[in-house]
PDB file of N, CA and C in Angstrom:
ATOM      1  N   UNK A   1     -20.205  81.904  15.121  1.00  0.00           N
ATOM      2  CA  UNK A   1     -20.467  82.444  16.442  1.00  0.00           C
ATOM      3  C   UNK A   1     -21.974  82.572  16.630  1.00  0.00           C
ATOM      4  N   UNK A   2     -22.404  82.386  17.827  1.00  0.00           N
ATOM      5  CA  UNK A   2     -23.817  82.477  18.150  1.00  0.00           C
ATOM      6  C   UNK A   2     -23.998  83.376  19.384  1.00  0.00           C
ATOM      7  N   UNK A   3     -23.886  84.695  19.201  1.00  0.00           N
ATOM      8  CA  UNK A   3     -23.957  85.598  20.351  1.00  0.00           C
ATOM      9  C   UNK A   3     -25.365  85.740  20.898  1.00  0.00           C
ATOM     10  N   UNK A   4     -25.439  86.190  22.119  1.00  0.00           N
ATOM     11  CA  UNK A   4     -26.715  86.504  22.760  1.00  0.00           C
ATOM     12  C   UNK A   4     -27.223  87.820  22.158  1.00  0.00           C
ATOM     13  N   UNK A   5     -28.344  87.767  21.464  1.00  0.00           N
ATOM     14  CA  UNK A   5     -28.859  88.941  20.753  1.00  0.00           C
ATOM     15  C   UNK A   5     -30.037  89.606  21.466  1.00  0.00           C
ATOM     16  N   UNK A   6     -30.314  89.214  22.700  1.00  0.00           N
ATOM     17  CA  UNK A   6     -31.514  89.733  23.366  1.00  0.00           C
ATOM     18  C   UNK A   6     -31.485  91.246  23.565  1.00  0.00           C
ATOM     19  N   UNK A   7     -30.308  91.853  23.684  1.00  0.00           N
ATOM     20  CA  UNK A   7     -30.211  93.293  23.877  1.00  0.00           C
ATOM     21  C   UNK A   7     -29.789  94.033  22.608  1.00  0.00           C
ATOM     22  N   UNK A   8     -29.790  93.320  21.475  1.00  0.00           N
ATOM     23  CA  UNK A   8     -29.397  93.952  20.209  1.00  0.00           C
ATOM     24  C   UNK A   8     -30.422  95.011  19.810  1.00  0.00           C
ATOM     25  N   UNK A   9     -29.926  96.099  19.263  1.00  0.00           N
ATOM     26  CA  UNK A   9     -30.789  97.166  18.743  1.00  0.00           C
ATOM     27  C   UNK A   9     -30.749  97.055  17.224  1.00  0.00           C
ATOM     28  N   UNK A  10     -31.883  96.665  16.644  1.00  0.00           N
ATOM     29  CA  UNK A  10     -31.972  96.435  15.208  1.00  0.00           C
ATOM     30  C   UNK A  10     -32.418  97.697  14.499  1.00  0.00           C
ATOM     31  N   UNK A  11     -31.857  97.926  13.318  1.00  0.00           N
ATOM     32  CA  UNK A  11     -32.292  99.067  12.514  1.00  0.00           C
ATOM     33  C   UNK A  11     -32.339  98.677  11.042  1.00  0.00           C
ATOM     34  N   UNK A  12     -33.237  99.338  10.338  1.00  0.00           N
ATOM     35  CA  UNK A  12     -33.453  99.079   8.920  1.00  0.00           C
ATOM     36  C   UNK A  12     -33.199 100.380   8.177  1.00  0.00           C
ATOM     37  N   UNK A  13     -32.675 100.299   6.992  1.00  0.00           N
ATOM     38  CA  UNK A  13     -32.412 101.490   6.202  1.00  0.00           C
ATOM     39  C   UNK A  13     -33.684 102.293   6.002  1.00  0.00           C
ATOM     40  N   UNK A  14     -33.588 103.600   6.143  1.00  0.00           N
ATOM     41  CA  UNK A  14     -34.753 104.457   5.908  1.00  0.00           C
ATOM     42  C   UNK A  14     -35.140 104.446   4.435  1.00  0.00           C
ATOM     43  N   UNK A  15     -34.224 104.081   3.565  1.00  0.00           N
ATOM     44  CA  UNK A  15     -34.521 104.023   2.126  1.00  0.00           C
ATOM     45  C   UNK A  15     -35.368 102.816   1.743  1.00  0.00           C
ATOM     46  N   UNK A  16     -35.481 101.842   2.620  1.00  0.00           N
ATOM     47  CA  UNK A  16     -36.227 100.629   2.281  1.00  0.00           C
ATOM     48  C   UNK A  16     -37.731 100.808   2.429  1.00  0.00           C
ATOM     49  N   UNK A  17     -38.170 101.826   3.149  1.00  0.00           N
ATOM     50  CA  UNK A  17     -39.600 102.054   3.327  1.00  0.00           C
ATOM     51  C   UNK A  17     -40.280 100.840   3.917  1.00  0.00           C
ATOM     52  N   UNK A  18     -41.373 100.392   3.291  1.00  0.00           N
ATOM     53  CA  UNK A  18     -42.098  99.222   3.795  1.00  0.00           C
ATOM     54  C   UNK A  18     -41.671  97.941   3.078  1.00  0.00           C
ATOM     55  N   UNK A  19     -40.642  98.019   2.257  1.00  0.00           N
ATOM     56  CA  UNK A  19     -40.164  96.863   1.503  1.00  0.00           C
ATOM     57  C   UNK A  19     -39.481  95.863   2.430  1.00  0.00           C
ATOM     58  N   UNK A  20     -39.439  94.610   1.971  1.00  0.00           N
ATOM     59  CA  UNK A  20     -38.646  93.607   2.681  1.00  0.00           C
ATOM     60  C   UNK A  20     -37.190  94.034   2.596  1.00  0.00           C
ATOM     61  N   UNK A  21     -36.520  93.934   3.661  1.00  0.00           N
ATOM     62  CA  UNK A  21     -35.147  94.406   3.702  1.00  0.00           C
ATOM     63  C   UNK A  21     -34.407  93.671   4.802  1.00  0.00           C
ATOM     64  N   UNK A  22     -33.158  93.999   4.967  1.00  0.00           N
ATOM     65  CA  UNK A  22     -32.401  93.448   6.077  1.00  0.00           C
ATOM     66  C   UNK A  22     -32.367  94.458   7.211  1.00  0.00           C
ATOM     67  N   UNK A  23     -32.200  93.948   8.401  1.00  0.00           N
ATOM     68  CA  UNK A  23     -31.985  94.776   9.573  1.00  0.00           C
ATOM     69  C   UNK A  23     -30.591  94.456  10.093  1.00  0.00           C
ATOM     70  N   UNK A  24     -29.959  95.471  10.650  1.00  0.00           N
ATOM     71  CA  UNK A  24     -28.600  95.319  11.140  1.00  0.00           C
ATOM     72  C   UNK A  24     -28.535  95.755  12.595  1.00  0.00           C
ATOM     73  N   UNK A  25     -27.841  94.990  13.393  1.00  0.00           N
ATOM     74  CA  UNK A  25     -27.536  95.380  14.774  1.00  0.00           C
ATOM     75  C   UNK A  25     -26.039  95.652  14.809  1.00  0.00           C
ATOM     76  N   UNK A  26     -25.682  96.941  14.840  1.00  0.00           N
ATOM     77  CA  UNK A  26     -24.279  97.325  14.745  1.00  0.00           C
ATOM     78  C   UNK A  26     -23.546  97.247  16.072  1.00  0.00           C
ATOM     79  N   UNK A  27     -24.262  97.349  17.156  1.00  0.00           N
ATOM     80  CA  UNK A  27     -23.637  97.262  18.467  1.00  0.00           C
ATOM     81  C   UNK A  27     -24.320  96.160  19.260  1.00  0.00           C
ATOM     82  N   UNK A  28     -23.587  95.108  19.517  1.00  0.00           N
ATOM     83  CA  UNK A  28     -24.124  93.983  20.273  1.00  0.00           C
ATOM     84  C   UNK A  28     -23.537  94.044  21.682  1.00  0.00           C
ATOM     85  N   UNK A  29     -24.344  94.457  22.664  1.00  0.00           N
ATOM     86  CA  UNK A  29     -23.838  94.599  24.031  1.00  0.00           C
ATOM     87  C   UNK A  29     -23.192  93.329  24.582  1.00  0.00           C
ATOM     88  N   UNK A  30     -23.693  92.173  24.167  1.00  0.00           N
ATOM     89  CA  UNK A  30     -23.170  90.907  24.679  1.00  0.00           C
ATOM     90  C   UNK A  30     -22.125  90.273  23.765  1.00  0.00           C
ATOM     91  N   UNK A  31     -21.780  90.960  22.663  1.00  0.00           N
ATOM     92  CA  UNK A  31     -20.776  90.438  21.730  1.00  0.00           C
ATOM     93  C   UNK A  31     -20.066  91.602  21.037  1.00  0.00           C
ATOM     94  N   UNK A  32     -19.272  92.366  21.783  1.00  0.00           N
ATOM     95  CA  UNK A  32     -18.575  93.491  21.158  1.00  0.00           C
ATOM     96  C   UNK A  32     -17.640  93.011  20.052  1.00  0.00           C
ATOM     97  N   UNK A  33     -17.543  93.811  18.995  1.00  0.00           N
ATOM     98  CA  UNK A  33     -16.692  93.448  17.870  1.00  0.00           C
ATOM     99  C   UNK A  33     -17.408  92.669  16.788  1.00  0.00           C
ATOM    100  N   UNK A  34     -18.728  92.516  16.941  1.00  0.00           N
ATOM    101  CA  UNK A  34     -19.520  91.781  15.951  1.00  0.00           C
ATOM    102  C   UNK A  34     -20.719  92.598  15.502  1.00  0.00           C
ATOM    103  N   UNK A  35     -21.216  92.281  14.301  1.00  0.00           N
ATOM    104  CA  UNK A  35     -22.402  92.901  13.712  1.00  0.00           C
ATOM    105  C   UNK A  35     -23.339  91.768  13.311  1.00  0.00           C
ATOM    106  N   UNK A  36     -24.635  91.928  13.572  1.00  0.00           N
ATOM    107  CA  UNK A  36     -25.615  90.899  13.219  1.00  0.00           C
ATOM    108  C   UNK A  36     -26.563  91.423  12.136  1.00  0.00           C
ATOM    109  N   UNK A  37     -26.983  90.524  11.252  1.00  0.00           N
ATOM    110  CA  UNK A  37     -27.870  90.875  10.139  1.00  0.00           C
ATOM    111  C   UNK A  37     -29.007  89.860  10.109  1.00  0.00           C
ATOM    112  N   UNK A  38     -30.243  90.359   9.886  1.00  0.00           N
ATOM    113  CA  UNK A  38     -31.401  89.465   9.776  1.00  0.00           C
ATOM    114  C   UNK A  38     -32.390  90.039   8.763  1.00  0.00           C
ATOM    115  N   UNK A  39     -33.344  89.213   8.351  1.00  0.00           N
ATOM    116  CA  UNK A  39     -34.405  89.614   7.425  1.00  0.00           C
ATOM    117  C   UNK A  39     -35.471  90.374   8.216  1.00  0.00           C
ATOM    118  N   UNK A  40     -35.863  91.537   7.740  1.00  0.00           N
ATOM    119  CA  UNK A  40     -36.798  92.375   8.495  1.00  0.00           C
ATOM    120  C   UNK A  40     -38.192  91.761   8.632  1.00  0.00           C
ATOM    121  N   UNK A  41     -38.596  90.953   7.681  1.00  0.00           N
ATOM    122  CA  UNK A  41     -39.930  90.354   7.751  1.00  0.00           C
ATOM    123  C   UNK A  41     -39.942  89.031   8.505  1.00  0.00           C
ATOM    124  N   UNK A  42     -38.757  88.520   8.831  1.00  0.00           N
ATOM    125  CA  UNK A  42     -38.654  87.261   9.579  1.00  0.00           C
ATOM    126  C   UNK A  42     -37.628  87.415  10.704  1.00  0.00           C
ATOM    127  N   UNK A  43     -37.910  88.265  11.670  1.00  0.00           N
ATOM    128  CA  UNK A  43     -36.928  88.535  12.717  1.00  0.00           C
ATOM    129  C   UNK A  43     -36.582  87.328  13.583  1.00  0.00           C
ATOM    130  N   UNK A  44     -37.415  86.319  13.578  1.00  0.00           N
ATOM    131  CA  UNK A  44     -37.125  85.130  14.369  1.00  0.00           C
ATOM    132  C   UNK A  44     -36.328  84.081  13.609  1.00  0.00           C
ATOM    133  N   UNK A  45     -36.060  84.340  12.335  1.00  0.00           N
ATOM    134  CA  UNK A  45     -35.318  83.385  11.511  1.00  0.00           C
ATOM    135  C   UNK A  45     -33.813  83.537  11.758  1.00  0.00           C
ATOM    136  N   UNK A  46     -33.039  82.888  10.930  1.00  0.00           N
ATOM    137  CA  UNK A  46     -31.588  82.879  11.086  1.00  0.00           C
ATOM    138  C   UNK A  46     -30.999  84.283  11.093  1.00  0.00           C
ATOM    139  N   UNK A  47     -30.008  84.474  11.931  1.00  0.00           N
ATOM    140  CA  UNK A  47     -29.241  85.711  12.013  1.00  0.00           C
ATOM    141  C   UNK A  47     -27.822  85.388  11.570  1.00  0.00           C
ATOM    142  N   UNK A  48     -27.264  86.234  10.729  1.00  0.00           N
ATOM    143  CA  UNK A  48     -25.883  86.059  10.286  1.00  0.00           C
ATOM    144  C   UNK A  48     -25.029  87.055  11.063  1.00  0.00           C
ATOM    145  N   UNK A  49     -23.916  86.576  11.596  1.00  0.00           N
ATOM    146  CA  UNK A  49     -23.047  87.410  12.413  1.00  0.00           C
ATOM    147  C   UNK A  49     -21.701  87.586  11.709  1.00  0.00           C
ATOM    148  N   UNK A  50     -21.248  88.834  11.643  1.00  0.00           N
ATOM    149  CA  UNK A  50     -19.968  89.180  11.031  1.00  0.00           C
ATOM    150  C   UNK A  50     -19.078  89.872  12.051  1.00  0.00           C
ATOM    151  N   UNK A  51     -17.777  89.779  11.836  1.00  0.00           N
ATOM    152  CA  UNK A  51     -16.869  90.587  12.648  1.00  0.00           C
ATOM    153  C   UNK A  51     -16.959  92.023  12.147  1.00  0.00           C
ATOM    154  N   UNK A  52     -16.512  92.960  12.969  1.00  0.00           N
ATOM    155  CA  UNK A  52     -16.493  94.355  12.527  1.00  0.00           C
ATOM    156  C   UNK A  52     -15.667  94.518  11.251  1.00  0.00           C
ATOM    157  N   UNK A  53     -14.558  93.793  11.151  1.00  0.00           N
ATOM    158  CA  UNK A  53     -13.691  93.887   9.967  1.00  0.00           C
ATOM    159  C   UNK A  53     -14.408  93.364   8.717  1.00  0.00           C
ATOM    160  N   UNK A  54     -15.130  92.255   8.842  1.00  0.00           N
ATOM    161  CA  UNK A  54     -15.884  91.718   7.697  1.00  0.00           C
ATOM    162  C   UNK A  54     -16.960  92.695   7.253  1.00  0.00           C
ATOM    163  N   UNK A  55     -17.679  93.278   8.205  1.00  0.00           N
ATOM    164  CA  UNK A  55     -18.743  94.231   7.892  1.00  0.00           C
ATOM    165  C   UNK A  55     -18.158  95.467   7.207  1.00  0.00           C
ATOM    166  N   UNK A  56     -17.041  95.948   7.715  1.00  0.00           N
ATOM    167  CA  UNK A  56     -16.386  97.115   7.127  1.00  0.00           C
ATOM    168  C   UNK A  56     -15.952  96.827   5.690  1.00  0.00           C
ATOM    169  N   UNK A  57     -15.405  95.639   5.444  1.00  0.00           N
ATOM    170  CA  UNK A  57     -14.997  95.256   4.089  1.00  0.00           C
ATOM    171  C   UNK A  57     -16.201  95.192   3.157  1.00  0.00           C
ATOM    172  N   UNK A  58     -17.327  94.669   3.645  1.00  0.00           N
ATOM    173  CA  UNK A  58     -18.547  94.625   2.834  1.00  0.00           C
ATOM    174  C   UNK A  58     -19.010  96.035   2.471  1.00  0.00           C
ATOM    175  N   UNK A  59     -19.064  96.926   3.444  1.00  0.00           N
ATOM    176  CA  UNK A  59     -19.512  98.302   3.182  1.00  0.00           C
ATOM    177  C   UNK A  59     -18.586  99.017   2.201  1.00  0.00           C
ATOM    178  N   UNK A  60     -17.295  98.805   2.352  1.00  0.00           N
ATOM    179  CA  UNK A  60     -16.333  99.410   1.424  1.00  0.00           C
ATOM    180  C   UNK A  60     -16.573  98.894   0.010  1.00  0.00           C
ATOM    181  N   UNK A  61     -16.769  97.584  -0.127  1.00  0.00           N
ATOM    182  CA  UNK A  61     -17.046  97.013  -1.439  1.00  0.00           C
ATOM    183  C   UNK A  61     -18.332  97.546  -2.042  1.00  0.00           C
ATOM    184  N   UNK A  62     -19.366  97.700  -1.229  1.00  0.00           N
ATOM    185  CA  UNK A  62     -20.651  98.230  -1.718  1.00  0.00           C
ATOM    186  C   UNK A  62     -20.491  99.676  -2.186  1.00  0.00           C
ATOM    187  N   UNK A  63     -19.781 100.465  -1.417  1.00  0.00           N
ATOM    188  CA  UNK A  63     -19.560 101.872  -1.795  1.00  0.00           C
ATOM    189  C   UNK A  63     -18.726 101.997  -3.066  1.00  0.00           C
ATOM    190  N   UNK A  64     -17.803 101.064  -3.252  1.00  0.00           N
ATOM    191  CA  UNK A  64     -16.906 101.101  -4.413  1.00  0.00           C
ATOM    192  C   UNK A  64     -17.506 100.452  -5.652  1.00  0.00           C
ATOM    193  N   UNK A  65     -18.740  99.944  -5.546  1.00  0.00           N
ATOM    194  CA  UNK A  65     -19.402  99.337  -6.695  1.00  0.00           C
ATOM    195  C   UNK A  65     -19.004  97.898  -6.958  1.00  0.00           C
ATOM    196  N   UNK A  66     -18.328  97.270  -6.020  1.00  0.00           N
ATOM    197  CA  UNK A  66     -17.861  95.906  -6.198  1.00  0.00           C
ATOM    198  C   UNK A  66     -18.980  94.917  -6.494  1.00  0.00           C
ATOM    199  N   UNK A  67     -20.163  95.194  -6.012  1.00  0.00           N
ATOM    200  CA  UNK A  67     -21.291  94.259  -6.166  1.00  0.00           C
ATOM    201  C   UNK A  67     -22.323  94.715  -7.197  1.00  0.00           C
ATOM    202  N   UNK A  68     -22.005  95.786  -7.921  1.00  0.00           N
ATOM    203  CA  UNK A  68     -22.920  96.278  -8.961  1.00  0.00           C
ATOM    204  C   UNK A  68     -23.030  95.272 -10.099  1.00  0.00           C
ATOM    205  N   UNK A  69     -24.192  95.217 -10.695  1.00  0.00           N
ATOM    206  CA  UNK A  69     -24.382  94.355 -11.858  1.00  0.00           C
ATOM    207  C   UNK A  69     -23.611  94.965 -13.032  1.00  0.00           C
ATOM    208  N   UNK A  70     -23.046  94.100 -13.871  1.00  0.00           N
ATOM    209  CA  UNK A  70     -22.285  94.620 -15.046  1.00  0.00           C
ATOM    210  C   UNK A  70     -23.181  95.315 -16.037  1.00  0.00           C
TER     211      UNK A  70
END
């Protein structure tokens, strides 16, 4: 999907400080039901778009340690 992101509100984790990080647009006015992710230092580069369900599954996995290094 390639939604119109002109009205997206991007936010970066407060824990990232000045580090390179990702930014997330959780509410896309022109594409409800989707979440967009981009690199904070390259906002004009590629944006990855997920459904709300995909994003929720990712967050659940992160909270549960699914992606932790062994």
